[in-house]
C-alpha cells in the first residue's frame, strides 16, 4: 500500500519499508530491524505489525470492496456505482488519515531516556513526499496497492460518466 525510504551516509543503499494491507516488511529481511534500531536512538517505539489493529482488519475491508465492486459492476445501477466510488474514496481518506496519525504518534511520543535528544525536535516521517530528519532523507510514497485503489475510483467514475451519457442519448432518441 505504501513505501517509506530512508537514506543516510551510513545507509548509502537506503532502507525501504513496505506497508502492506496485512503486514509491514522491508526490501530485505533486516530492514525492519534496522528501522527499529534507528528508532531506538531517538526514542521512537519499535515498529511491529502486531501493534497495528488495522493490519488485521484491512484484508476484510479490501475483500468487501472487491466483492461489492464486482456486484455493483454486474448490477450496473448508476447510483450504486456512484455510492460505491464515494464509499471507496471515504475509506481511502480514512486510511490515509489513520496512517498520518500513526506517523504523528510514532514521531512525537518519544522515550525521554532516548540516547539522542534534540529539544523541540519531532521525527514525524512525511505522509507523502520527502523530508529531512537529522542526517536522513525520508521519502514516503504510495505503492501499487494504493494506485490500484486510485484506478478503481477512476474506472468507477468513468463508468458512472459513460452510463450518464448513454442515459441522455436514450432520452434524446425516445
Protein backbone atom coordinates (compact mmCIF):
# COMPACT_ATOMS: atom_id res chain seq x y z
CA UNK A 1 0.00 0.00 0.00
CA UNK A 2 2.78 2.44 0.94
CA UNK A 3 6.57 2.66 0.98
CA UNK A 4 8.91 4.66 3.19
CA UNK A 5 12.53 5.09 2.11
CA UNK A 6 15.36 6.29 4.35
CA UNK A 7 18.76 7.25 3.03
CA UNK A 8 21.75 8.46 5.03
CA UNK A 9 25.54 8.35 4.85
CA UNK A 10 25.60 5.20 6.99
CA UNK A 11 22.96 3.61 4.69
CA UNK A 12 24.00 4.72 1.19
CA UNK A 13 21.90 1.96 -0.40
CA UNK A 14 18.93 3.17 1.66
CA UNK A 15 16.34 1.38 3.76
CA UNK A 16 12.94 0.64 2.26
CA UNK A 17 9.93 -0.22 4.44
CA UNK A 18 6.84 -1.69 2.79
CA UNK A 19 3.43 -1.28 4.38
CA UNK A 20 1.12 -3.95 3.01
CA UNK A 21 -2.58 -4.39 3.60
CA UNK A 22 -1.80 -7.03 6.25
CA UNK A 23 1.87 -6.70 7.24
CA UNK A 24 4.94 -4.50 7.44
CA UNK A 25 8.19 -5.60 5.84
CA UNK A 26 11.30 -4.26 4.20
CA UNK A 27 13.14 -4.58 0.94
CA UNK A 28 15.31 -7.18 2.71
CA UNK A 29 14.92 -9.24 5.85
CA UNK A 30 16.94 -6.94 8.11
CA UNK A 31 15.37 -3.63 7.06
CA UNK A 32 12.62 -3.54 9.68
CA UNK A 33 15.19 -4.46 12.33
CA UNK A 34 17.39 -1.57 11.14
CA UNK A 35 14.43 0.83 11.28
CA UNK A 36 13.77 -0.25 14.87
CA UNK A 37 17.43 0.15 15.86
CA UNK A 38 17.49 3.67 14.43
CA UNK A 39 14.15 4.49 16.05
CA UNK A 40 15.52 3.33 19.42
CA UNK A 41 18.22 6.00 19.34
CA UNK A 42 15.70 8.82 19.00
CA UNK A 43 13.22 7.24 21.45
CA UNK A 44 10.64 6.07 18.93
CA UNK A 45 8.80 2.88 19.80
CA UNK A 46 9.60 -0.23 17.75
CA UNK A 47 7.56 -0.96 14.64
CA UNK A 48 5.82 -4.34 14.86
CA UNK A 49 2.89 -5.44 12.73
CA UNK A 50 1.13 -6.71 15.86
CA UNK A 51 0.94 -3.09 17.11
CA UNK A 52 -1.45 -2.16 14.29
CA UNK A 53 -5.00 -3.50 14.59
CA UNK A 54 -5.58 -2.03 11.12
CA UNK A 55 -3.36 -4.71 9.58
CA UNK A 56 -5.71 -7.39 10.93
CA UNK A 57 -8.84 -5.57 9.73
CA UNK A 58 -7.70 -4.24 6.34
CA UNK A 59 -7.78 -7.56 4.42
CA UNK A 60 -11.51 -7.85 5.21
CA UNK A 61 -12.15 -4.28 4.10
CA UNK A 62 -10.30 -4.89 0.83
CA UNK A 63 -12.28 -8.10 0.22
CA UNK A 64 -15.51 -6.22 0.99
CA UNK A 65 -14.70 -3.54 -1.59
CA UNK A 66 -13.67 -6.11 -4.19
CA UNK A 67 -16.84 -8.18 -3.82
CA UNK A 68 -19.18 -5.19 -3.67
CA UNK A 69 -17.36 -3.61 -6.63
CA UNK A 70 -17.97 -6.70 -8.76
CA UNK A 71 -21.62 -6.86 -7.67
CA UNK A 72 -22.14 -3.15 -8.41
CA UNK A 73 -20.50 -3.56 -11.81
CA UNK A 74 -22.72 -6.55 -12.66
CA UNK A 75 -25.90 -4.83 -11.46
CA UNK A 76 -24.94 -1.65 -13.31
CA UNK A 77 -27.19 0.79 -11.44
CA UNK A 78 -25.72 4.28 -11.77
CA UNK A 79 -26.49 5.38 -8.22
CA UNK A 80 -24.83 2.24 -6.85
CA UNK A 81 -21.72 2.91 -8.94
CA UNK A 82 -21.54 6.44 -7.55
CA UNK A 83 -22.22 5.26 -3.98
CA UNK A 84 -19.52 2.59 -4.23
CA UNK A 85 -16.97 5.06 -5.62
CA UNK A 86 -17.77 7.60 -2.90
CA UNK A 87 -17.56 4.92 -0.20
CA UNK A 88 -14.19 3.81 -1.59
CA UNK A 89 -12.93 7.42 -1.55
CA UNK A 90 -14.13 7.89 2.04
CA UNK A 91 -12.44 4.60 3.00
CA UNK A 92 -9.23 5.76 1.35
CA UNK A 93 -9.38 9.12 3.14
CA UNK A 94 -9.95 7.37 6.48
CA UNK A 95 -7.00 5.06 5.76
CA UNK A 96 -4.67 7.93 4.89
CA UNK A 97 -5.79 9.89 7.96
CA UNK A 98 -5.18 6.84 10.16
CA UNK A 99 -1.73 6.37 8.62
CA UNK A 100 -0.88 10.04 9.24
CA UNK A 101 -1.98 9.78 12.88
CA UNK A 102 0.30 6.75 13.32
CA UNK A 103 3.21 8.73 11.83
CA UNK A 104 2.50 11.58 14.26
CA UNK A 105 2.22 9.21 17.21
CA UNK A 106 5.48 7.45 16.38
CA UNK A 107 7.29 10.72 15.68
CA UNK A 108 6.15 12.69 18.73
CA UNK A 109 5.65 10.19 21.57
CA UNK A 110 9.33 9.68 22.22
CA UNK A 111 11.02 7.98 25.14
CA UNK A 112 12.54 10.74 27.32
CA UNK A 113 15.50 8.45 28.07
CA UNK A 114 16.49 8.12 24.40
CA UNK A 115 20.23 8.27 23.65
CA UNK A 116 19.71 11.13 21.15
CA UNK A 117 17.60 14.07 22.33
CA UNK A 118 17.25 17.33 20.45
CA UNK A 119 14.97 19.77 22.31
CA UNK A 120 11.84 20.60 20.32
CA UNK A 121 12.64 18.09 17.55
CA UNK A 122 9.96 15.70 16.36
CA UNK A 123 10.60 12.86 13.98
CA UNK A 124 7.38 12.68 12.02
CA UNK A 125 8.10 10.97 8.69
CA UNK A 126 6.38 12.59 5.72
CA UNK A 127 2.94 11.30 4.78
CA UNK A 128 3.68 12.00 1.13
CA UNK A 129 6.91 13.31 -0.32
CA UNK A 130 10.30 13.86 1.25
CA UNK A 131 11.60 15.35 4.46
CA UNK A 132 14.98 15.65 6.12
CA UNK A 133 15.17 14.10 9.59
CA UNK A 134 18.61 14.74 11.11
CA UNK A 135 21.04 13.17 8.62
CA UNK A 136 18.33 11.04 6.99
CA UNK A 137 16.38 11.81 3.87
CA UNK A 138 12.93 10.26 4.29
CA UNK A 139 10.65 9.68 1.32
CA UNK A 140 7.10 8.37 1.61
CA UNK A 141 5.11 7.30 -1.44
CA UNK A 142 2.02 5.25 -2.31
CA UNK A 143 2.76 1.81 -3.67
CA UNK A 144 0.91 -0.37 -6.17
CA UNK A 145 -1.93 -1.21 -3.75
CA UNK A 146 -2.79 2.47 -3.31
CA UNK A 147 -2.53 3.03 -7.04
CA UNK A 148 -4.97 0.13 -7.51
CA UNK A 149 -7.48 1.92 -5.28
CA UNK A 150 -7.00 5.11 -7.29
CA UNK A 151 -7.63 3.19 -10.52
CA UNK A 152 -10.79 1.66 -9.04
CA UNK A 153 -12.09 5.15 -8.22
CA UNK A 154 -11.17 6.44 -11.70
CA UNK A 155 -12.78 3.49 -13.52
CA UNK A 156 -15.94 3.67 -11.43
CA UNK A 157 -16.11 7.41 -12.15
CA UNK A 158 -15.72 6.68 -15.85
CA UNK A 159 -18.43 4.01 -15.67
CA UNK A 160 -20.75 6.50 -13.97
CA UNK A 161 -19.98 9.17 -16.59
CA UNK A 162 -20.37 6.82 -19.57
CA UNK A 163 -23.65 5.45 -18.20
CA UNK A 164 -24.92 9.04 -17.85
CA UNK A 165 -24.10 9.80 -21.49
CA UNK A 166 -25.84 6.57 -22.51
CA UNK A 167 -28.94 7.50 -20.48
CA UNK A 168 -29.03 11.00 -22.03
CA UNK A 169 -28.70 9.63 -25.57
CA UNK A 170 -31.54 7.16 -24.89
CA UNK A 171 -33.80 10.04 -23.80
CA UNK A 172 -32.93 12.04 -26.93
CA UNK A 173 -33.77 9.15 -29.29
CA UNK A 174 -37.02 8.26 -27.46
